[in-house]
Amino acid sequence: MKILNNALKFVHGREHEKGGFSIYKGISDTKNTYYAVNILKMFNKEPHNKEKTVEWVEKLCNLFNTLTEDES
């Protein structure tokens, strides 16, 4: 269990206050947010700041949708 706790501590340590995750301190990114959320889900855990993470992902989805609409 110590390994699991250390792994979860590492993942939670990469969580950003404004939502999302990254491997480095700084700006959240989609790849690391995806992996972090899936790792937490595997162990029935959630981000400490779940609401902000959901908002962060929704903002990215909205941005993507806006960008792809302009291509039509």
PDB file of N, CA and C in Angstrom:
ATOM      1  N   MET A   1       0.813  -1.210   0.000  1.00  0.00           N
ATOM      2  CA  MET A   1       0.000   0.000   0.000  1.00  0.00           C
ATOM      3  C   MET A   1       0.850   1.265   0.000  1.00  0.00           C
ATOM      4  N   LYS A   2       2.080   1.172   0.491  1.00  0.00           N
ATOM      5  CA  LYS A   2       2.938   2.346   0.522  1.00  0.00           C
ATOM      6  C   LYS A   2       3.238   2.825  -0.902  1.00  0.00           C
ATOM      7  N   ILE A   3       3.451   1.885  -1.817  1.00  0.00           N
ATOM      8  CA  ILE A   3       3.719   2.253  -3.208  1.00  0.00           C
ATOM      9  C   ILE A   3       2.507   2.960  -3.803  1.00  0.00           C
ATOM     10  N   LEU A   4       1.327   2.424  -3.553  1.00  0.00           N
ATOM     11  CA  LEU A   4       0.094   3.036  -4.056  1.00  0.00           C
ATOM     12  C   LEU A   4      -0.078   4.439  -3.486  1.00  0.00           C
ATOM     13  N   ASN A   5       0.116   4.592  -2.196  1.00  0.00           N
ATOM     14  CA  ASN A   5      -0.015   5.918  -1.573  1.00  0.00           C
ATOM     15  C   ASN A   5       0.988   6.899  -2.146  1.00  0.00           C
ATOM     16  N   ASN A   6       2.212   6.446  -2.381  1.00  0.00           N
ATOM     17  CA  ASN A   6       3.228   7.326  -2.980  1.00  0.00           C
ATOM     18  C   ASN A   6       2.851   7.705  -4.408  1.00  0.00           C
ATOM     19  N   ALA A   7       2.318   6.751  -5.163  1.00  0.00           N
ATOM     20  CA  ALA A   7       1.897   7.038  -6.534  1.00  0.00           C
ATOM     21  C   ALA A   7       0.755   8.045  -6.557  1.00  0.00           C
ATOM     22  N   LEU A   8      -0.232   7.844  -5.690  1.00  0.00           N
ATOM     23  CA  LEU A   8      -1.357   8.779  -5.631  1.00  0.00           C
ATOM     24  C   LEU A   8      -0.904  10.157  -5.158  1.00  0.00           C
ATOM     25  N   LYS A   9       0.024  10.176  -4.232  1.00  0.00           N
ATOM     26  CA  LYS A   9       0.572  11.452  -3.754  1.00  0.00           C
ATOM     27  C   LYS A   9       1.280  12.181  -4.900  1.00  0.00           C
ATOM     28  N   PHE A  10       2.020  11.432  -5.719  1.00  0.00           N
ATOM     29  CA  PHE A  10       2.693  12.028  -6.872  1.00  0.00           C
ATOM     30  C   PHE A  10       1.677  12.609  -7.848  1.00  0.00           C
ATOM     31  N   VAL A  11       0.642  11.819  -8.170  1.00  0.00           N
ATOM     32  CA  VAL A  11      -0.374  12.287  -9.117  1.00  0.00           C
ATOM     33  C   VAL A  11      -1.067  13.530  -8.572  1.00  0.00           C
ATOM     34  N   HIS A  12      -1.499  13.485  -7.328  1.00  0.00           N
ATOM     35  CA  HIS A  12      -2.157  14.661  -6.736  1.00  0.00           C
ATOM     36  C   HIS A  12      -1.203  15.853  -6.663  1.00  0.00           C
ATOM     37  N   GLY A  13       0.076  15.596  -6.532  1.00  0.00           N
ATOM     38  CA  GLY A  13       1.058  16.676  -6.494  1.00  0.00           C
ATOM     39  C   GLY A  13       1.218  17.397  -7.811  1.00  0.00           C
ATOM     40  N   ARG A  14       0.742  16.792  -8.883  1.00  0.00           N
ATOM     41  CA  ARG A  14       0.818  17.402 -10.223  1.00  0.00           C
ATOM     42  C   ARG A  14      -0.458  18.143 -10.584  1.00  0.00           C
ATOM     43  N   GLU A  15      -1.397  18.165  -9.653  1.00  0.00           N
ATOM     44  CA  GLU A  15      -2.674  18.843  -9.884  1.00  0.00           C
ATOM     45  C   GLU A  15      -2.503  20.347  -9.718  1.00  0.00           C
ATOM     46  N   HIS A  16      -3.125  21.088 -10.615  1.00  0.00           N
ATOM     47  CA  HIS A  16      -3.038  22.548 -10.577  1.00  0.00           C
ATOM     48  C   HIS A  16      -4.260  23.158  -9.918  1.00  0.00           C
ATOM     49  N   GLU A  17      -4.028  24.248  -9.262  1.00  0.00           N
ATOM     50  CA  GLU A  17      -5.083  24.962  -8.543  1.00  0.00           C
ATOM     51  C   GLU A  17      -6.230  25.364  -9.461  1.00  0.00           C
ATOM     52  N   LYS A  18      -5.904  25.736 -10.695  1.00  0.00           N
ATOM     53  CA  LYS A  18      -6.929  26.192 -11.642  1.00  0.00           C
ATOM     54  C   LYS A  18      -7.511  25.055 -12.473  1.00  0.00           C
ATOM     55  N   GLY A  19      -7.122  23.816 -12.175  1.00  0.00           N
ATOM     56  CA  GLY A  19      -7.642  22.661 -12.898  1.00  0.00           C
ATOM     57  C   GLY A  19      -6.604  22.043 -13.797  1.00  0.00           C
ATOM     58  N   GLY A  20      -6.742  20.765 -14.018  1.00  0.00           N
ATOM     59  CA  GLY A  20      -5.820  20.046 -14.884  1.00  0.00           C
ATOM     60  C   GLY A  20      -4.568  19.594 -14.145  1.00  0.00           C
ATOM     61  N   PHE A  21      -3.732  18.847 -14.862  1.00  0.00           N
ATOM     62  CA  PHE A  21      -2.506  18.293 -14.308  1.00  0.00           C
ATOM     63  C   PHE A  21      -1.371  18.504 -15.304  1.00  0.00           C
ATOM     64  N   SER A  22      -0.149  18.476 -14.808  1.00  0.00           N
ATOM     65  CA  SER A  22       1.018  18.460 -15.686  1.00  0.00           C
ATOM     66  C   SER A  22       2.149  17.725 -14.983  1.00  0.00           C
ATOM     67  N   ILE A  23       3.097  17.267 -15.752  1.00  0.00           N
ATOM     68  CA  ILE A  23       4.226  16.542 -15.180  1.00  0.00           C
ATOM     69  C   ILE A  23       5.183  17.516 -14.484  1.00  0.00           C
ATOM     70  N   TYR A  24       5.225  18.730 -14.972  1.00  0.00           N
ATOM     71  CA  TYR A  24       6.092  19.756 -14.399  1.00  0.00           C
ATOM     72  C   TYR A  24       5.239  20.809 -13.711  1.00  0.00           C
ATOM     73  N   LYS A  25       5.842  21.556 -12.849  1.00  0.00           N
ATOM     74  CA  LYS A  25       5.139  22.693 -12.256  1.00  0.00           C
ATOM     75  C   LYS A  25       4.945  23.714 -13.363  1.00  0.00           C
ATOM     76  N   GLY A  26       3.760  24.215 -13.497  1.00  0.00           N
ATOM     77  CA  GLY A  26       3.514  25.190 -14.555  1.00  0.00           C
ATOM     78  C   GLY A  26       2.118  25.069 -15.104  1.00  0.00           C
ATOM     79  N   ILE A  27       2.014  24.978 -16.407  1.00  0.00           N
ATOM     80  CA  ILE A  27       0.727  24.985 -17.096  1.00  0.00           C
ATOM     81  C   ILE A  27       0.203  23.567 -17.258  1.00  0.00           C
ATOM     82  N   SER A  28      -1.072  23.385 -16.985  1.00  0.00           N
ATOM     83  CA  SER A  28      -1.716  22.084 -17.185  1.00  0.00           C
ATOM     84  C   SER A  28      -1.708  21.731 -18.667  1.00  0.00           C
ATOM     85  N   ASP A  29      -1.690  20.444 -18.954  1.00  0.00           N
ATOM     86  CA  ASP A  29      -1.787  20.020 -20.343  1.00  0.00           C
ATOM     87  C   ASP A  29      -2.725  18.827 -20.448  1.00  0.00           C
ATOM     88  N   THR A  30      -3.238  18.634 -21.641  1.00  0.00           N
ATOM     89  CA  THR A  30      -4.269  17.615 -21.853  1.00  0.00           C
ATOM     90  C   THR A  30      -3.753  16.199 -21.635  1.00  0.00           C
ATOM     91  N   LYS A  31      -2.569  15.899 -22.141  1.00  0.00           N
ATOM     92  CA  LYS A  31      -2.048  14.534 -22.037  1.00  0.00           C
ATOM     93  C   LYS A  31      -1.885  14.114 -20.584  1.00  0.00           C
ATOM     94  N   ASN A  32      -1.248  14.938 -19.791  1.00  0.00           N
ATOM     95  CA  ASN A  32      -1.017  14.588 -18.394  1.00  0.00           C
ATOM     96  C   ASN A  32      -2.294  14.637 -17.569  1.00  0.00           C
ATOM     97  N   THR A  33      -3.231  15.497 -17.938  1.00  0.00           N
ATOM     98  CA  THR A  33      -4.530  15.508 -17.256  1.00  0.00           C
ATOM     99  C   THR A  33      -5.263  14.203 -17.544  1.00  0.00           C
ATOM    100  N   TYR A  34      -5.222  13.758 -18.788  1.00  0.00           N
ATOM    101  CA  TYR A  34      -5.860  12.493 -19.158  1.00  0.00           C
ATOM    102  C   TYR A  34      -5.290  11.340 -18.335  1.00  0.00           C
ATOM    103  N   TYR A  35      -3.966  11.238 -18.305  1.00  0.00           N
ATOM    104  CA  TYR A  35      -3.332  10.137 -17.570  1.00  0.00           C
ATOM    105  C   TYR A  35      -3.610  10.233 -16.069  1.00  0.00           C
ATOM    106  N   ALA A  36      -3.536  11.427 -15.518  1.00  0.00           N
ATOM    107  CA  ALA A  36      -3.757  11.590 -14.076  1.00  0.00           C
ATOM    108  C   ALA A  36      -5.169  11.194 -13.687  1.00  0.00           C
ATOM    109  N   VAL A  37      -6.151  11.669 -14.438  1.00  0.00           N
ATOM    110  CA  VAL A  37      -7.545  11.354 -14.119  1.00  0.00           C
ATOM    111  C   VAL A  37      -7.784   9.848 -14.247  1.00  0.00           C
ATOM    112  N   ASN A  38      -7.208   9.223 -15.253  1.00  0.00           N
ATOM    113  CA  ASN A  38      -7.387   7.779 -15.417  1.00  0.00           C
ATOM    114  C   ASN A  38      -6.686   6.977 -14.331  1.00  0.00           C
ATOM    115  N   ILE A  39      -5.522   7.407 -13.904  1.00  0.00           N
ATOM    116  CA  ILE A  39      -4.845   6.743 -12.786  1.00  0.00           C
ATOM    117  C   ILE A  39      -5.691   6.849 -11.521  1.00  0.00           C
ATOM    118  N   LEU A  40      -6.190   8.038 -11.245  1.00  0.00           N
ATOM    119  CA  LEU A  40      -7.034   8.220 -10.065  1.00  0.00           C
ATOM    120  C   LEU A  40      -8.294   7.356 -10.163  1.00  0.00           C
ATOM    121  N   LYS A  41      -8.880   7.312 -11.347  1.00  0.00           N
ATOM    122  CA  LYS A  41     -10.092   6.522 -11.547  1.00  0.00           C
ATOM    123  C   LYS A  41      -9.833   5.029 -11.301  1.00  0.00           C
ATOM    124  N   MET A  42      -8.667   4.538 -11.707  1.00  0.00           N
ATOM    125  CA  MET A  42      -8.326   3.122 -11.495  1.00  0.00           C
ATOM    126  C   MET A  42      -8.368   2.742 -10.021  1.00  0.00           C
ATOM    127  N   PHE A  43      -8.081   3.712  -9.153  1.00  0.00           N
ATOM    128  CA  PHE A  43      -8.039   3.450  -7.717  1.00  0.00           C
ATOM    129  C   PHE A  43      -9.204   4.096  -6.968  1.00  0.00           C
ATOM    130  N   ASN A  44     -10.273   4.396  -7.724  1.00  0.00           N
ATOM    131  CA  ASN A  44     -11.486   4.993  -7.152  1.00  0.00           C
ATOM    132  C   ASN A  44     -11.206   6.280  -6.378  1.00  0.00           C
ATOM    133  N   LYS A  45     -10.327   7.091  -6.930  1.00  0.00           N
ATOM    134  CA  LYS A  45      -9.993   8.390  -6.344  1.00  0.00           C
ATOM    135  C   LYS A  45     -10.396   9.485  -7.317  1.00  0.00           C
ATOM    136  N   GLU A  46     -10.422  10.704  -6.831  1.00  0.00           N
ATOM    137  CA  GLU A  46     -10.767  11.855  -7.660  1.00  0.00           C
ATOM    138  C   GLU A  46      -9.733  12.954  -7.459  1.00  0.00           C
ATOM    139  N   PRO A  47      -9.666  13.888  -8.396  1.00  0.00           N
ATOM    140  CA  PRO A  47      -8.799  15.046  -8.181  1.00  0.00           C
ATOM    141  C   PRO A  47      -9.227  15.787  -6.914  1.00  0.00           C
ATOM    142  N   HIS A  48      -8.269  16.375  -6.220  1.00  0.00           N
ATOM    143  CA  HIS A  48      -8.613  17.169  -5.032  1.00  0.00           C
ATOM    144  C   HIS A  48      -9.541  18.320  -5.413  1.00  0.00           C
ATOM    145  N   ASN A  49      -9.306  18.876  -6.589  1.00  0.00           N
ATOM    146  CA  ASN A  49     -10.067  20.020  -7.059  1.00  0.00           C
ATOM    147  C   ASN A  49     -10.881  19.592  -8.282  1.00  0.00           C
ATOM    148  N   LYS A  50     -11.777  18.650  -8.083  1.00  0.00           N
ATOM    149  CA  LYS A  50     -12.529  18.039  -9.177  1.00  0.00           C
ATOM    150  C   LYS A  50     -13.291  19.072 -10.008  1.00  0.00           C
ATOM    151  N   GLU A  51     -13.959  20.003  -9.365  1.00  0.00           N
ATOM    152  CA  GLU A  51     -14.759  20.995 -10.088  1.00  0.00           C
ATOM    153  C   GLU A  51     -13.892  21.828 -11.029  1.00  0.00           C
ATOM    154  N   LYS A  52     -12.726  22.245 -10.553  1.00  0.00           N
ATOM    155  CA  LYS A  52     -11.826  23.049 -11.390  1.00  0.00           C
ATOM    156  C   LYS A  52     -11.274  22.228 -12.547  1.00  0.00           C
ATOM    157  N   THR A  53     -11.016  20.952 -12.302  1.00  0.00           N
ATOM    158  CA  THR A  53     -10.517  20.092 -13.376  1.00  0.00           C
ATOM    159  C   THR A  53     -11.590  19.902 -14.441  1.00  0.00           C
ATOM    160  N   VAL A  54     -12.826  19.704 -14.018  1.00  0.00           N
ATOM    161  CA  VAL A  54     -13.930  19.574 -14.975  1.00  0.00           C
ATOM    162  C   VAL A  54     -14.083  20.868 -15.772  1.00  0.00           C
ATOM    163  N   GLU A  55     -14.023  22.008 -15.101  1.00  0.00           N
ATOM    164  CA  GLU A  55     -14.123  23.302 -15.792  1.00  0.00           C
ATOM    165  C   GLU A  55     -12.990  23.472 -16.795  1.00  0.00           C
ATOM    166  N   TRP A  56     -11.781  23.063 -16.420  1.00  0.00           N
ATOM    167  CA  TRP A  56     -10.616  23.185 -17.295  1.00  0.00           C
ATOM    168  C   TRP A  56     -10.814  22.357 -18.564  1.00  0.00           C
ATOM    169  N   VAL A  57     -11.290  21.131 -18.414  1.00  0.00           N
ATOM    170  CA  VAL A  57     -11.531  20.260 -19.569  1.00  0.00           C
ATOM    171  C   VAL A  57     -12.657  20.842 -20.434  1.00  0.00           C
ATOM    172  N   GLU A  58     -13.713  21.343 -19.813  1.00  0.00           N
ATOM    173  CA  GLU A  58     -14.824  21.933 -20.577  1.00  0.00           C
ATOM    174  C   GLU A  58     -14.364  23.137 -21.383  1.00  0.00           C
ATOM    175  N   LYS A  59     -13.499  23.965 -20.815  1.00  0.00           N
ATOM    176  CA  LYS A  59     -12.967  25.129 -21.547  1.00  0.00           C
ATOM    177  C   LYS A  59     -12.204  24.673 -22.778  1.00  0.00           C
ATOM    178  N   LEU A  60     -11.402  23.617 -22.627  1.00  0.00           N
ATOM    179  CA  LEU A  60     -10.659  23.101 -23.778  1.00  0.00           C
ATOM    180  C   LEU A  60     -11.585  22.549 -24.847  1.00  0.00           C
ATOM    181  N   CYS A  61     -12.624  21.842 -24.422  1.00  0.00           N
ATOM    182  CA  CYS A  61     -13.596  21.302 -25.384  1.00  0.00           C
ATOM    183  C   CYS A  61     -14.288  22.435 -26.136  1.00  0.00           C
ATOM    184  N   ASN A  62     -14.678  23.468 -25.413  1.00  0.00           N
ATOM    185  CA  ASN A  62     -15.331  24.614 -26.047  1.00  0.00           C
ATOM    186  C   ASN A  62     -14.392  25.307 -27.030  1.00  0.00           C
ATOM    187  N   LEU A  63     -13.132  25.451 -26.650  1.00  0.00           N
ATOM    188  CA  LEU A  63     -12.152  26.065 -27.540  1.00  0.00           C
ATOM    189  C   LEU A  63     -11.977  25.221 -28.794  1.00  0.00           C
ATOM    190  N   PHE A  64     -11.850  23.916 -28.621  1.00  0.00           N
ATOM    191  CA  PHE A  64     -11.700  23.018 -29.761  1.00  0.00           C
ATOM    192  C   PHE A  64     -12.908  23.121 -30.684  1.00  0.00           C
ATOM    193  N   ASN A  65     -14.104  23.115 -30.109  1.00  0.00           N
ATOM    194  CA  ASN A  65     -15.319  23.217 -30.924  1.00  0.00           C
ATOM    195  C   ASN A  65     -15.365  24.533 -31.687  1.00  0.00           C
ATOM    196  N   THR A  66     -14.957  25.608 -31.054  1.00  0.00           N
ATOM    197  CA  THR A  66     -14.923  26.909 -31.713  1.00  0.00           C
ATOM    198  C   THR A  66     -13.943  26.902 -32.876  1.00  0.00           C
ATOM    199  N   LEU A  67     -12.779  26.331 -32.658  1.00  0.00           N
ATOM    200  CA  LEU A  67     -11.760  26.286 -33.709  1.00  0.00           C
ATOM    201  C   LEU A  67     -12.199  25.420 -34.884  1.00  0.00           C
ATOM    202  N   THR A  68     -12.840  24.315 -34.615  1.00  0.00           N
ATOM    203  CA  THR A  68     -13.246  23.423 -35.696  1.00  0.00           C
ATOM    204  C   THR A  68     -14.465  23.954 -36.447  1.00  0.00           C
ATOM    205  N   GLU A  69     -15.296  24.754 -35.786  1.00  0.00           N
ATOM    206  CA  GLU A  69     -16.434  25.373 -36.478  1.00  0.00           C
ATOM    207  C   GLU A  69     -15.952  26.367 -37.511  1.00  0.00           C
ATOM    208  N   ASP A  70     -14.873  27.072 -37.200  1.00  0.00           N
ATOM    209  CA  ASP A  70     -14.338  28.063 -38.131  1.00  0.00           C
ATOM    210  C   ASP A  70     -13.775  27.427 -39.390  1.00  0.00           C
ATOM    211  N   GLU A  71     -13.421  26.161 -39.341  1.00  0.00           N
ATOM    212  CA  GLU A  71     -12.859  25.467 -40.494  1.00  0.00           C
ATOM    213  C   GLU A  71     -13.925  25.070 -41.497  1.00  0.00           C
ATOM    214  N   SER A  72     -15.179  25.050 -41.091  1.00  0.00           N
ATOM    215  CA  SER A  72     -16.264  24.593 -41.995  1.00  0.00           C
ATOM    216  C   SER A  72     -16.575  25.612 -43.053  1.00  0.00           C
TER     217      SER A  72
END
